[in-house]
Amino acid sequence: MRTFLYILTFMSVIGLAFWAYHENYKTQEALADVQDLRRDIGAHRERLAVLRAEWAFLNRPERLRDLAELNFPRLELMPFLPEQFGRVDQISYPAPPIIEFTDPIDLSSEGGQRP
């Protein structure tokens, strides 16, 4: 009986060692994947910063103005002028709807009851 317990304990230790070894390699693989993802995120952030800088460079007002003048015969783009914009007091807002009260309640009498 004692030999059986020794063998069972030995096999359990071997099994747990194999499990721990396997989990260790899975953890190392997951850490390597995380490191690769962080590297990719950093590269994408750098690329995004470059793209934003290029966008800002290409959208300079003087460059767009020159392009509009160059392509005026084909596109007929006109520059914006301050006179083209309206003021807030020039906007005609719709009138608020008139609410008609049907069957009003008189609150000035005693108890709030109808006369």
PDB file of N, CA and C in Angstrom:
ATOM      1  N   MET A   1       0.824  -1.188   0.000  1.00  0.00           N
ATOM      2  CA  MET A   1       0.000   0.000   0.000  1.00  0.00           C
ATOM      3  C   MET A   1       0.873   1.258   0.000  1.00  0.00           C
ATOM      4  N   ARG A   2       1.950   1.178   0.767  1.00  0.00           N
ATOM      5  CA  ARG A   2       2.850   2.321   0.851  1.00  0.00           C
ATOM      6  C   ARG A   2       3.499   2.592  -0.506  1.00  0.00           C
ATOM      7  N   THR A   3       3.851   1.557  -1.223  1.00  0.00           N
ATOM      8  CA  THR A   3       4.465   1.702  -2.536  1.00  0.00           C
ATOM      9  C   THR A   3       3.486   2.375  -3.500  1.00  0.00           C
ATOM     10  N   PHE A   4       2.220   1.978  -3.427  1.00  0.00           N
ATOM     11  CA  PHE A   4       1.203   2.589  -4.289  1.00  0.00           C
ATOM     12  C   PHE A   4       1.086   4.087  -4.013  1.00  0.00           C
ATOM     13  N   LEU A   5       1.118   4.507  -2.757  1.00  0.00           N
ATOM     14  CA  LEU A   5       1.050   5.935  -2.405  1.00  0.00           C
ATOM     15  C   LEU A   5       2.286   6.674  -2.900  1.00  0.00           C
ATOM     16  N   TYR A   6       3.455   6.042  -2.787  1.00  0.00           N
ATOM     17  CA  TYR A   6       4.672   6.678  -3.296  1.00  0.00           C
ATOM     18  C   TYR A   6       4.593   6.880  -4.806  1.00  0.00           C
ATOM     19  N   ILE A   7       4.132   5.869  -5.495  1.00  0.00           N
ATOM     20  CA  ILE A   7       4.007   5.969  -6.959  1.00  0.00           C
ATOM     21  C   ILE A   7       2.972   7.032  -7.324  1.00  0.00           C
ATOM     22  N   LEU A   8       1.846   7.036  -6.627  1.00  0.00           N
ATOM     23  CA  LEU A   8       0.795   8.025  -6.892  1.00  0.00           C
ATOM     24  C   LEU A   8       1.297   9.445  -6.616  1.00  0.00           C
ATOM     25  N   THR A   9       2.040   9.620  -5.519  1.00  0.00           N
ATOM     26  CA  THR A   9       2.596  10.944  -5.208  1.00  0.00           C
ATOM     27  C   THR A   9       3.619  11.351  -6.256  1.00  0.00           C
ATOM     28  N   PHE A  10       4.476  10.421  -6.644  1.00  0.00           N
ATOM     29  CA  PHE A  10       5.488  10.710  -7.655  1.00  0.00           C
ATOM     30  C   PHE A  10       4.841  11.100  -8.981  1.00  0.00           C
ATOM     31  N   MET A  11       3.807  10.389  -9.395  1.00  0.00           N
ATOM     32  CA  MET A  11       3.101  10.702 -10.634  1.00  0.00           C
ATOM     33  C   MET A  11       2.393  12.063 -10.533  1.00  0.00           C
ATOM     34  N   SER A  12       1.846  12.377  -9.367  1.00  0.00           N
ATOM     35  CA  SER A  12       1.214  13.690  -9.165  1.00  0.00           C
ATOM     36  C   SER A  12       2.236  14.804  -9.283  1.00  0.00           C
ATOM     37  N   VAL A  13       3.409  14.620  -8.695  1.00  0.00           N
ATOM     38  CA  VAL A  13       4.467  15.628  -8.778  1.00  0.00           C
ATOM     39  C   VAL A  13       4.912  15.791 -10.227  1.00  0.00           C
ATOM     40  N   ILE A  14       5.058  14.692 -10.956  1.00  0.00           N
ATOM     41  CA  ILE A  14       5.439  14.760 -12.368  1.00  0.00           C
ATOM     42  C   ILE A  14       4.358  15.502 -13.159  1.00  0.00           C
ATOM     43  N   GLY A  15       3.108  15.182 -12.914  1.00  0.00           N
ATOM     44  CA  GLY A  15       2.004  15.845 -13.613  1.00  0.00           C
ATOM     45  C   GLY A  15       1.949  17.340 -13.311  1.00  0.00           C
ATOM     46  N   LEU A  16       2.116  17.712 -12.050  1.00  0.00           N
ATOM     47  CA  LEU A  16       2.114  19.127 -11.676  1.00  0.00           C
ATOM     48  C   LEU A  16       3.318  19.852 -12.267  1.00  0.00           C
ATOM     49  N   ALA A  17       4.459  19.195 -12.329  1.00  0.00           N
ATOM     50  CA  ALA A  17       5.645  19.814 -12.930  1.00  0.00           C
ATOM     51  C   ALA A  17       5.410  20.049 -14.419  1.00  0.00           C
ATOM     52  N   PHE A  18       4.815  19.067 -15.099  1.00  0.00           N
ATOM     53  CA  PHE A  18       4.516  19.238 -16.517  1.00  0.00           C
ATOM     54  C   PHE A  18       3.527  20.387 -16.717  1.00  0.00           C
ATOM     55  N   TRP A  19       2.501  20.441 -15.870  1.00  0.00           N
ATOM     56  CA  TRP A  19       1.503  21.519 -15.969  1.00  0.00           C
ATOM     57  C   TRP A  19       2.164  22.879 -15.748  1.00  0.00           C
ATOM     58  N   ALA A  20       3.017  23.009 -14.715  1.00  0.00           N
ATOM     59  CA  ALA A  20       3.691  24.271 -14.421  1.00  0.00           C
ATOM     60  C   ALA A  20       4.629  24.659 -15.573  1.00  0.00           C
ATOM     61  N   TYR A  21       5.320  23.688 -16.144  1.00  0.00           N
ATOM     62  CA  TYR A  21       6.214  23.937 -17.272  1.00  0.00           C
ATOM     63  C   TYR A  21       5.408  24.461 -18.465  1.00  0.00           C
ATOM     64  N   HIS A  22       4.288  23.815 -18.730  1.00  0.00           N
ATOM     65  CA  HIS A  22       3.434  24.215 -19.847  1.00  0.00           C
ATOM     66  C   HIS A  22       2.859  25.630 -19.620  1.00  0.00           C
ATOM     67  N   GLU A  23       2.400  25.908 -18.419  1.00  0.00           N
ATOM     68  CA  GLU A  23       1.854  27.234 -18.099  1.00  0.00           C
ATOM     69  C   GLU A  23       2.931  28.315 -18.190  1.00  0.00           C
ATOM     70  N   ASN A  24       4.143  27.991 -17.806  1.00  0.00           N
ATOM     71  CA  ASN A  24       5.247  28.943 -17.889  1.00  0.00           C
ATOM     72  C   ASN A  24       5.481  29.347 -19.346  1.00  0.00           C
ATOM     73  N   TYR A  25       5.484  28.373 -20.251  1.00  0.00           N
ATOM     74  CA  TYR A  25       5.704  28.695 -21.665  1.00  0.00           C
ATOM     75  C   TYR A  25       4.517  29.454 -22.258  1.00  0.00           C
ATOM     76  N   LYS A  26       3.303  29.130 -21.834  1.00  0.00           N
ATOM     77  CA  LYS A  26       2.146  29.891 -22.303  1.00  0.00           C
ATOM     78  C   LYS A  26       2.218  31.343 -21.828  1.00  0.00           C
ATOM     79  N   THR A  27       2.657  31.546 -20.595  1.00  0.00           N
ATOM     80  CA  THR A  27       2.797  32.900 -20.057  1.00  0.00           C
ATOM     81  C   THR A  27       3.871  33.671 -20.805  1.00  0.00           C
ATOM     82  N   GLN A  28       4.998  33.033 -21.073  1.00  0.00           N
ATOM     83  CA  GLN A  28       6.066  33.703 -21.824  1.00  0.00           C
ATOM     84  C   GLN A  28       5.604  34.061 -23.230  1.00  0.00           C
ATOM     85  N   GLU A  29       4.822  33.193 -23.853  1.00  0.00           N
ATOM     86  CA  GLU A  29       4.293  33.473 -25.185  1.00  0.00           C
ATOM     87  C   GLU A  29       3.310  34.651 -25.144  1.00  0.00           C
ATOM     88  N   ALA A  30       2.469  34.685 -24.112  1.00  0.00           N
ATOM     89  CA  ALA A  30       1.519  35.792 -23.977  1.00  0.00           C
ATOM     90  C   ALA A  30       2.257  37.110 -23.741  1.00  0.00           C
ATOM     91  N   LEU A  31       3.316  37.088 -22.941  1.00  0.00           N
ATOM     92  CA  LEU A  31       4.098  38.305 -22.705  1.00  0.00           C
ATOM     93  C   LEU A  31       4.788  38.774 -23.989  1.00  0.00           C
ATOM     94  N   ALA A  32       5.266  37.831 -24.783  1.00  0.00           N
ATOM     95  CA  ALA A  32       5.885  38.207 -26.062  1.00  0.00           C
ATOM     96  C   ALA A  32       4.844  38.811 -26.995  1.00  0.00           C
ATOM     97  N   ASP A  33       3.627  38.254 -26.996  1.00  0.00           N
ATOM     98  CA  ASP A  33       2.554  38.825 -27.815  1.00  0.00           C
ATOM     99  C   ASP A  33       2.208  40.241 -27.369  1.00  0.00           C
ATOM    100  N   VAL A  34       2.156  40.465 -26.072  1.00  0.00           N
ATOM    101  CA  VAL A  34       1.867  41.801 -25.547  1.00  0.00           C
ATOM    102  C   VAL A  34       2.964  42.779 -25.954  1.00  0.00           C
ATOM    103  N   GLN A  35       4.199  42.338 -25.873  1.00  0.00           N
ATOM    104  CA  GLN A  35       5.314  43.205 -26.269  1.00  0.00           C
ATOM    105  C   GLN A  35       5.239  43.539 -27.760  1.00  0.00           C
ATOM    106  N   ASP A  36       4.884  42.557 -28.593  1.00  0.00           N
ATOM    107  CA  ASP A  36       4.711  42.820 -30.024  1.00  0.00           C
ATOM    108  C   ASP A  36       3.569  43.803 -30.269  1.00  0.00           C
ATOM    109  N   LEU A  37       2.470  43.624 -29.544  1.00  0.00           N
ATOM    110  CA  LEU A  37       1.337  44.543 -29.701  1.00  0.00           C
ATOM    111  C   LEU A  37       1.713  45.960 -29.285  1.00  0.00           C
ATOM    112  N   ARG A  38       2.450  46.092 -28.202  1.00  0.00           N
ATOM    113  CA  ARG A  38       2.880  47.432 -27.771  1.00  0.00           C
ATOM    114  C   ARG A  38       3.794  48.073 -28.812  1.00  0.00           C
ATOM    115  N   ARG A  39       4.662  47.276 -29.396  1.00  0.00           N
ATOM    116  CA  ARG A  39       5.537  47.792 -30.445  1.00  0.00           C
ATOM    117  C   ARG A  39       4.713  48.243 -31.652  1.00  0.00           C
ATOM    118  N   ASP A  40       3.723  47.433 -32.016  1.00  0.00           N
ATOM    119  CA  ASP A  40       2.847  47.799 -33.139  1.00  0.00           C
ATOM    120  C   ASP A  40       2.046  49.063 -32.832  1.00  0.00           C
ATOM    121  N   ILE A  41       1.553  49.179 -31.616  1.00  0.00           N
ATOM    122  CA  ILE A  41       0.797  50.374 -31.229  1.00  0.00           C
ATOM    123  C   ILE A  41       1.683  51.604 -31.310  1.00  0.00           C
ATOM    124  N   GLY A  42       2.913  51.498 -30.842  1.00  0.00           N
ATOM    125  CA  GLY A  42       3.844  52.622 -30.928  1.00  0.00           C
ATOM    126  C   GLY A  42       4.119  53.023 -32.368  1.00  0.00           C
ATOM    127  N   ALA A  43       4.298  52.023 -33.231  1.00  0.00           N
ATOM    128  CA  ALA A  43       4.546  52.319 -34.647  1.00  0.00           C
ATOM    129  C   ALA A  43       3.319  52.974 -35.280  1.00  0.00           C
ATOM    130  N   HIS A  44       2.137  52.485 -34.932  1.00  0.00           N
ATOM    131  CA  HIS A  44       0.921  53.082 -35.483  1.00  0.00           C
ATOM    132  C   HIS A  44       0.706  54.504 -34.969  1.00  0.00           C
ATOM    133  N   ARG A  45       1.054  54.752 -33.718  1.00  0.00           N
ATOM    134  CA  ARG A  45       0.931  56.118 -33.193  1.00  0.00           C
ATOM    135  C   ARG A  45       1.889  57.071 -33.901  1.00  0.00           C
ATOM    136  N   GLU A  46       3.108  56.597 -34.160  1.00  0.00           N
ATOM    137  CA  GLU A  46       4.056  57.429 -34.909  1.00  0.00           C
ATOM    138  C   GLU A  46       3.534  57.711 -36.311  1.00  0.00           C
ATOM    139  N   ARG A  47       2.990  56.687 -36.963  1.00  0.00           N
ATOM    140  CA  ARG A  47       2.439  56.858 -38.310  1.00  0.00           C
ATOM    141  C   ARG A  47       1.256  57.829 -38.291  1.00  0.00           C
ATOM    142  N   LEU A  48       0.418  57.735 -37.257  1.00  0.00           N
ATOM    143  CA  LEU A  48      -0.720  58.638 -37.135  1.00  0.00           C
ATOM    144  C   LEU A  48      -0.256  60.075 -36.926  1.00  0.00           C
ATOM    145  N   ALA A  49       0.800  60.274 -36.151  1.00  0.00           N
ATOM    146  CA  ALA A  49       1.340  61.624 -35.952  1.00  0.00           C
ATOM    147  C   ALA A  49       1.862  62.189 -37.268  1.00  0.00           C
ATOM    148  N   VAL A  50       2.537  61.335 -38.057  1.00  0.00           N
ATOM    149  CA  VAL A  50       3.042  61.788 -39.364  1.00  0.00           C
ATOM    150  C   VAL A  50       1.873  62.147 -40.277  1.00  0.00           C
ATOM    151  N   LEU A  51       0.837  61.316 -40.288  1.00  0.00           N
ATOM    152  CA  LEU A  51      -0.323  61.595 -41.134  1.00  0.00           C
ATOM    153  C   LEU A  51      -1.031  62.881 -40.725  1.00  0.00           C
ATOM    154  N   ARG A  52      -1.127  63.123 -39.421  1.00  0.00           N
ATOM    155  CA  ARG A  52      -1.747  64.381 -38.953  1.00  0.00           C
ATOM    156  C   ARG A  52      -0.914  65.583 -39.376  1.00  0.00           C
ATOM    157  N   ALA A  53       0.406  65.453 -39.291  1.00  0.00           N
ATOM    158  CA  ALA A  53       1.278  66.556 -39.720  1.00  0.00           C
ATOM    159  C   ALA A  53       1.143  66.791 -41.222  1.00  0.00           C
ATOM    160  N   GLU A  54       1.074  65.711 -42.008  1.00  0.00           N
ATOM    161  CA  GLU A  54       0.887  65.873 -43.446  1.00  0.00           C
ATOM    162  C   GLU A  54      -0.459  66.511 -43.762  1.00  0.00           C
ATOM    163  N   TRP A  55      -1.495  66.114 -43.031  1.00  0.00           N
ATOM    164  CA  TRP A  55      -2.823  66.693 -43.246  1.00  0.00           C
ATOM    165  C   TRP A  55      -2.810  68.186 -42.940  1.00  0.00           C
ATOM    166  N   ALA A  56      -2.173  68.546 -41.842  1.00  0.00           N
ATOM    167  CA  ALA A  56      -2.092  69.968 -41.498  1.00  0.00           C
ATOM    168  C   ALA A  56      -1.296  70.733 -42.556  1.00  0.00           C
ATOM    169  N   PHE A  57      -0.242  70.118 -43.067  1.00  0.00           N
ATOM    170  CA  PHE A  57       0.567  70.770 -44.100  1.00  0.00           C
ATOM    171  C   PHE A  57      -0.230  70.951 -45.389  1.00  0.00           C
ATOM    172  N   LEU A  58      -0.988  69.935 -45.773  1.00  0.00           N
ATOM    173  CA  LEU A  58      -1.747  70.023 -47.010  1.00  0.00           C
ATOM    174  C   LEU A  58      -2.964  70.942 -46.894  1.00  0.00           C
ATOM    175  N   ASN A  59      -3.444  71.205 -45.699  1.00  0.00           N
ATOM    176  CA  ASN A  59      -4.624  72.052 -45.514  1.00  0.00           C
ATOM    177  C   ASN A  59      -4.275  73.482 -45.103  1.00  0.00           C
ATOM    178  N   ARG A  60      -3.073  73.916 -45.419  1.00  0.00           N
ATOM    179  CA  ARG A  60      -2.715  75.307 -45.141  1.00  0.00           C
ATOM    180  C   ARG A  60      -3.624  76.227 -45.951  1.00  0.00           C
ATOM    181  N   PRO A  61      -4.132  77.295 -45.361  1.00  0.00           N
ATOM    182  CA  PRO A  61      -5.040  78.190 -46.083  1.00  0.00           C
ATOM    183  C   PRO A  61      -4.425  78.781 -47.349  1.00  0.00           C
ATOM    184  N   GLU A  62      -3.147  79.171 -47.295  1.00  0.00           N
ATOM    185  CA  GLU A  62      -2.532  79.768 -48.489  1.00  0.00           C
ATOM    186  C   GLU A  62      -2.406  78.744 -49.619  1.00  0.00           C
ATOM    187  N   ARG A  63      -2.130  77.481 -49.278  1.00  0.00           N
ATOM    188  CA  ARG A  63      -2.046  76.439 -50.304  1.00  0.00           C
ATOM    189  C   ARG A  63      -3.418  76.191 -50.924  1.00  0.00           C
ATOM    190  N   LEU A  64      -4.446  76.107 -50.092  1.00  0.00           N
ATOM    191  CA  LEU A  64      -5.794  75.884 -50.609  1.00  0.00           C
ATOM    192  C   LEU A  64      -6.268  77.063 -51.448  1.00  0.00           C
ATOM    193  N   ARG A  65      -5.901  78.268 -51.029  1.00  0.00           N
ATOM    194  CA  ARG A  65      -6.263  79.459 -51.806  1.00  0.00           C
ATOM    195  C   ARG A  65      -5.603  79.414 -53.184  1.00  0.00           C
ATOM    196  N   ASP A  66      -4.318  79.058 -53.229  1.00  0.00           N
ATOM    197  CA  ASP A  66      -3.613  78.947 -54.506  1.00  0.00           C
ATOM    198  C   ASP A  66      -4.233  77.861 -55.393  1.00  0.00           C
ATOM    199  N   LEU A  67      -4.604  76.741 -54.795  1.00  0.00           N
ATOM    200  CA  LEU A  67      -5.227  75.677 -55.575  1.00  0.00           C
ATOM    201  C   LEU A  67      -6.588  76.106 -56.126  1.00  0.00           C
ATOM    202  N   ALA A  68      -7.351  76.840 -55.311  1.00  0.00           N
ATOM    203  CA  ALA A  68      -8.655  77.312 -55.772  1.00  0.00           C
ATOM    204  C   ALA A  68      -8.487  78.291 -56.931  1.00  0.00           C
ATOM    205  N   GLU A  69      -7.492  79.171 -56.843  1.00  0.00           N
ATOM    206  CA  GLU A  69      -7.255  80.114 -57.938  1.00  0.00           C
ATOM    207  C   GLU A  69      -6.753  79.401 -59.188  1.00  0.00           C
ATOM    208  N   LEU A  70      -5.915  78.401 -59.015  1.00  0.00           N
ATOM    209  CA  LEU A  70      -5.370  77.655 -60.142  1.00  0.00           C
ATOM    210  C   LEU A  70      -6.465  76.877 -60.872  1.00  0.00           C
ATOM    211  N   ASN A  71      -7.401  76.322 -60.122  1.00  0.00           N
ATOM    212  CA  ASN A  71      -8.451  75.498 -60.704  1.00  0.00           C
ATOM    213  C   ASN A  71      -9.785  76.232 -60.842  1.00  0.00           C
ATOM    214  N   PHE A  72      -9.765  77.565 -60.785  1.00  0.00           N
ATOM    215  CA  PHE A  72     -11.016  78.319 -60.853  1.00  0.00           C
ATOM    216  C   PHE A  72     -11.792  78.081 -62.144  1.00  0.00           C
ATOM    217  N   PRO A  73     -11.156  78.063 -63.300  1.00  0.00           N
ATOM    218  CA  PRO A  73     -11.944  77.850 -64.525  1.00  0.00           C
ATOM    219  C   PRO A  73     -12.689  76.511 -64.548  1.00  0.00           C
ATOM    220  N   ARG A  74     -12.103  75.506 -63.954  1.00  0.00           N
ATOM    221  CA  ARG A  74     -12.722  74.176 -63.981  1.00  0.00           C
ATOM    222  C   ARG A  74     -13.704  73.978 -62.829  1.00  0.00           C
ATOM    223  N   LEU A  75     -13.352  74.432 -61.606  1.00  0.00           N
ATOM    224  CA  LEU A  75     -14.171  74.173 -60.423  1.00  0.00           C
ATOM    225  C   LEU A  75     -15.075  75.340 -60.034  1.00  0.00           C
ATOM    226  N   GLU A  76     -14.703  76.537 -60.409  1.00  0.00           N
ATOM    227  CA  GLU A  76     -15.431  77.763 -60.074  1.00  0.00           C
ATOM    228  C   GLU A  76     -15.624  77.909 -58.563  1.00  0.00           C
ATOM    229  N   LEU A  77     -14.573  77.650 -57.809  1.00  0.00           N
ATOM    230  CA  LEU A  77     -14.614  77.811 -56.363  1.00  0.00           C
ATOM    231  C   LEU A  77     -14.363  79.268 -56.006  1.00  0.00           C
ATOM    232  N   MET A  78     -15.195  79.802 -55.146  1.00  0.00           N
ATOM    233  CA  MET A  78     -15.048  81.188 -54.715  1.00  0.00           C
ATOM    234  C   MET A  78     -14.574  81.199 -53.269  1.00  0.00           C
ATOM    235  N   PRO A  79     -13.721  82.140 -52.896  1.00  0.00           N
ATOM    236  CA  PRO A  79     -13.284  82.199 -51.494  1.00  0.00           C
ATOM    237  C   PRO A  79     -14.418  82.702 -50.607  1.00  0.00           C
ATOM    238  N   PHE A  80     -14.389  82.269 -49.351  1.00  0.00           N
ATOM    239  CA  PHE A  80     -15.367  82.754 -48.386  1.00  0.00           C
ATOM    240  C   PHE A  80     -15.055  84.193 -48.015  1.00  0.00           C
ATOM    241  N   LEU A  81     -16.088  84.972 -47.896  1.00  0.00           N
ATOM    242  CA  LEU A  81     -15.950  86.364 -47.469  1.00  0.00           C
ATOM    243  C   LEU A  81     -16.768  86.569 -46.208  1.00  0.00           C
ATOM    244  N   PRO A  82     -16.360  87.501 -45.347  1.00  0.00           N
ATOM    245  CA  PRO A  82     -17.120  87.713 -44.109  1.00  0.00           C
ATOM    246  C   PRO A  82     -18.567  88.130 -44.369  1.00  0.00           C
ATOM    247  N   GLU A  83     -18.837  88.763 -45.502  1.00  0.00           N
ATOM    248  CA  GLU A  83     -20.191  89.213 -45.790  1.00  0.00           C
ATOM    249  C   GLU A  83     -21.129  88.044 -46.095  1.00  0.00           C
ATOM    250  N   GLN A  84     -20.560  86.886 -46.403  1.00  0.00           N
ATOM    251  CA  GLN A  84     -21.390  85.733 -46.729  1.00  0.00           C
ATOM    252  C   GLN A  84     -22.001  85.080 -45.495  1.00  0.00           C
ATOM    253  N   PHE A  85     -21.482  85.404 -44.339  1.00  0.00           N
ATOM    254  CA  PHE A  85     -21.987  84.804 -43.111  1.00  0.00           C
ATOM    255  C   PHE A  85     -23.029  85.718 -42.498  1.00  0.00           C
ATOM    256  N   GLY A  86     -24.079  85.128 -41.913  1.00  0.00           N
ATOM    257  CA  GLY A  86     -25.125  85.908 -41.269  1.00  0.00           C
ATOM    258  C   GLY A  86     -24.863  86.064 -39.789  1.00  0.00           C
ATOM    259  N   ARG A  87     -25.685  86.894 -39.166  1.00  0.00           N
ATOM    260  CA  ARG A  87     -25.608  87.098 -37.713  1.00  0.00           C
ATOM    261  C   ARG A  87     -26.741  86.303 -37.062  1.00  0.00           C
ATOM    262  N   VAL A  88     -26.616  86.077 -35.795  1.00  0.00           N
ATOM    263  CA  VAL A  88     -27.609  85.298 -35.078  1.00  0.00           C
ATOM    264  C   VAL A  88     -28.955  86.021 -35.060  1.00  0.00           C
ATOM    265  N   ASP A  89     -28.956  87.356 -34.972  1.00  0.00           N
ATOM    266  CA  ASP A  89     -30.226  88.080 -34.920  1.00  0.00           C
ATOM    267  C   ASP A  89     -30.949  88.087 -36.264  1.00  0.00           C
ATOM    268  N   GLN A  90     -30.325  87.611 -37.322  1.00  0.00           N
ATOM    269  CA  GLN A  90     -30.968  87.533 -38.626  1.00  0.00           C
ATOM    270  C   GLN A  90     -31.710  86.212 -38.831  1.00  0.00           C
ATOM    271  N   ILE A  91     -31.557  85.279 -37.926  1.00  0.00           N
ATOM    272  CA  ILE A  91     -32.201  83.978 -38.058  1.00  0.00           C
ATOM    273  C   ILE A  91     -33.647  84.096 -37.600  1.00  0.00           C
ATOM    274  N   SER A  92     -34.566  83.621 -38.415  1.00  0.00           N
ATOM    275  CA  SER A  92     -35.982  83.653 -38.036  1.00  0.00           C
ATOM    276  C   SER A  92     -36.343  82.291 -37.444  1.00  0.00           C
ATOM    277  N   TYR A  93     -36.511  82.276 -36.149  1.00  0.00           N
ATOM    278  CA  TYR A  93     -36.893  81.059 -35.453  1.00  0.00           C
ATOM    279  C   TYR A  93     -38.410  80.919 -35.498  1.00  0.00           C
ATOM    280  N   PRO A  94     -38.941  79.709 -35.534  1.00  0.00           N
ATOM    281  CA  PRO A  94     -40.390  79.546 -35.538  1.00  0.00           C
ATOM    282  C   PRO A  94     -40.969  79.965 -34.181  1.00  0.00           C
ATOM    283  N   ALA A  95     -42.210  80.482 -34.231  1.00  0.00           N
ATOM    284  CA  ALA A  95     -42.872  80.905 -32.991  1.00  0.00           C
ATOM    285  C   ALA A  95     -43.196  79.675 -32.151  1.00  0.00           C
ATOM    286  N   PRO A  96     -43.107  79.802 -30.835  1.00  0.00           N
ATOM    287  CA  PRO A  96     -43.441  78.648 -29.994  1.00  0.00           C
ATOM    288  C   PRO A  96     -44.933  78.338 -30.119  1.00  0.00           C
ATOM    289  N   PRO A  97     -45.298  77.084 -30.040  1.00  0.00           N
ATOM    290  CA  PRO A  97     -46.708  76.740 -30.188  1.00  0.00           C
ATOM    291  C   PRO A  97     -47.539  77.292 -29.030  1.00  0.00           C
ATOM    292  N   ILE A  98     -48.758  77.674 -29.343  1.00  0.00           N
ATOM    293  CA  ILE A  98     -49.675  78.188 -28.332  1.00  0.00           C
ATOM    294  C   ILE A  98     -50.417  77.005 -27.732  1.00  0.00           C
ATOM    295  N   ILE A  99     -50.337  76.886 -26.423  1.00  0.00           N
ATOM    296  CA  ILE A  99     -50.979  75.769 -25.735  1.00  0.00           C
ATOM    297  C   ILE A  99     -52.349  76.230 -25.263  1.00  0.00           C
ATOM    298  N   GLU A 100     -53.375  75.540 -25.700  1.00  0.00           N
ATOM    299  CA  GLU A 100     -54.728  75.874 -25.261  1.00  0.00           C
ATOM    300  C   GLU A 100     -55.093  74.951 -24.112  1.00  0.00           C
ATOM    301  N   PHE A 101     -55.560  75.549 -23.023  1.00  0.00           N
ATOM    302  CA  PHE A 101     -55.960  74.781 -21.858  1.00  0.00           C
ATOM    303  C   PHE A 101     -57.446  74.481 -21.962  1.00  0.00           C
ATOM    304  N   THR A 102     -57.775  73.231 -21.950  1.00  0.00           N
ATOM    305  CA  THR A 102     -59.175  72.829 -21.926  1.00  0.00           C
ATOM    306  C   THR A 102     -59.466  72.269 -20.550  1.00  0.00           C
ATOM    307  N   ASP A 103     -60.548  72.689 -19.991  1.00  0.00           N
ATOM    308  CA  ASP A 103     -60.979  72.238 -18.671  1.00  0.00           C
ATOM    309  C   ASP A 103     -59.937  72.599 -17.601  1.00  0.00           C
ATOM    310  N   PRO A 104     -59.679  73.922 -17.386  1.00  0.00           N
ATOM    311  CA  PRO A 104     -58.687  74.320 -16.382  1.00  0.00           C
ATOM    312  C   PRO A 104     -59.185  74.055 -14.964  1.00  0.00           C
ATOM    313  N   ILE A 105     -58.272  73.956 -14.043  1.00  0.00           N
ATOM    314  CA  ILE A 105     -58.584  73.741 -12.623  1.00  0.00           C
ATOM    315  C   ILE A 105     -58.283  75.033 -11.890  1.00  0.00           C
ATOM    316  N   ASP A 106     -59.248  75.499 -11.097  1.00  0.00           N
ATOM    317  CA  ASP A 106     -59.074  76.716 -10.322  1.00  0.00           C
ATOM    318  C   ASP A 106     -58.456  76.345  -8.979  1.00  0.00           C
ATOM    319  N   LEU A 107     -57.246  76.805  -8.729  1.00  0.00           N
ATOM    320  CA  LEU A 107     -56.529  76.483  -7.500  1.00  0.00           C
ATOM    321  C   LEU A 107     -56.736  77.534  -6.419  1.00  0.00           C
ATOM    322  N   SER A 108     -57.444  78.617  -6.737  1.00  0.00           N
ATOM    323  CA  SER A 108     -57.619  79.675  -5.749  1.00  0.00           C
ATOM    324  C   SER A 108     -58.764  79.391  -4.791  1.00  0.00           C
ATOM    325  N   SER A 109     -59.659  78.482  -5.106  1.00  0.00           N
ATOM    326  CA  SER A 109     -60.758  78.173  -4.174  1.00  0.00           C
ATOM    327  C   SER A 109     -60.302  77.211  -3.122  1.00  0.00           C
ATOM    328  N   GLU A 110     -61.102  77.027  -2.077  1.00  0.00           N
ATOM    329  CA  GLU A 110     -60.713  76.160  -0.974  1.00  0.00           C
ATOM    330  C   GLU A 110     -60.653  74.702  -1.394  1.00  0.00           C
ATOM    331  N   GLY A 111     -59.580  74.041  -0.985  1.00  0.00           N
ATOM    332  CA  GLY A 111     -59.442  72.616  -1.228  1.00  0.00           C
ATOM    333  C   GLY A 111     -59.091  72.263  -2.643  1.00  0.00           C
ATOM    334  N   GLY A 112     -58.947  73.232  -3.507  1.00  0.00           N
ATOM    335  CA  GLY A 112     -58.577  72.942  -4.881  1.00  0.00           C
ATOM    336  C   GLY A 112     -59.691  72.271  -5.670  1.00  0.00           C
ATOM    337  N   GLN A 113     -60.944  72.415  -5.175  1.00  0.00           N
ATOM    338  CA  GLN A 113     -62.055  71.766  -5.879  1.00  0.00           C
ATOM    339  C   GLN A 113     -62.647  72.710  -6.880  1.00  0.00           C
ATOM    340  N   ARG A 114     -63.363  72.158  -7.822  1.00  0.00           N
ATOM    341  CA  ARG A 114     -64.007  72.977  -8.837  1.00  0.00           C
ATOM    342  C   ARG A 114     -65.229  73.686  -8.241  1.00  0.00           C
ATOM    343  N   PRO A 115     -65.460  74.920  -8.686  1.00  0.00           N
ATOM    344  CA  PRO A 115     -66.652  75.612  -8.155  1.00  0.00           C
ATOM    345  C   PRO A 115     -67.935  75.088  -8.764  1.00  0.00           C
TER     346      PRO A 115
END
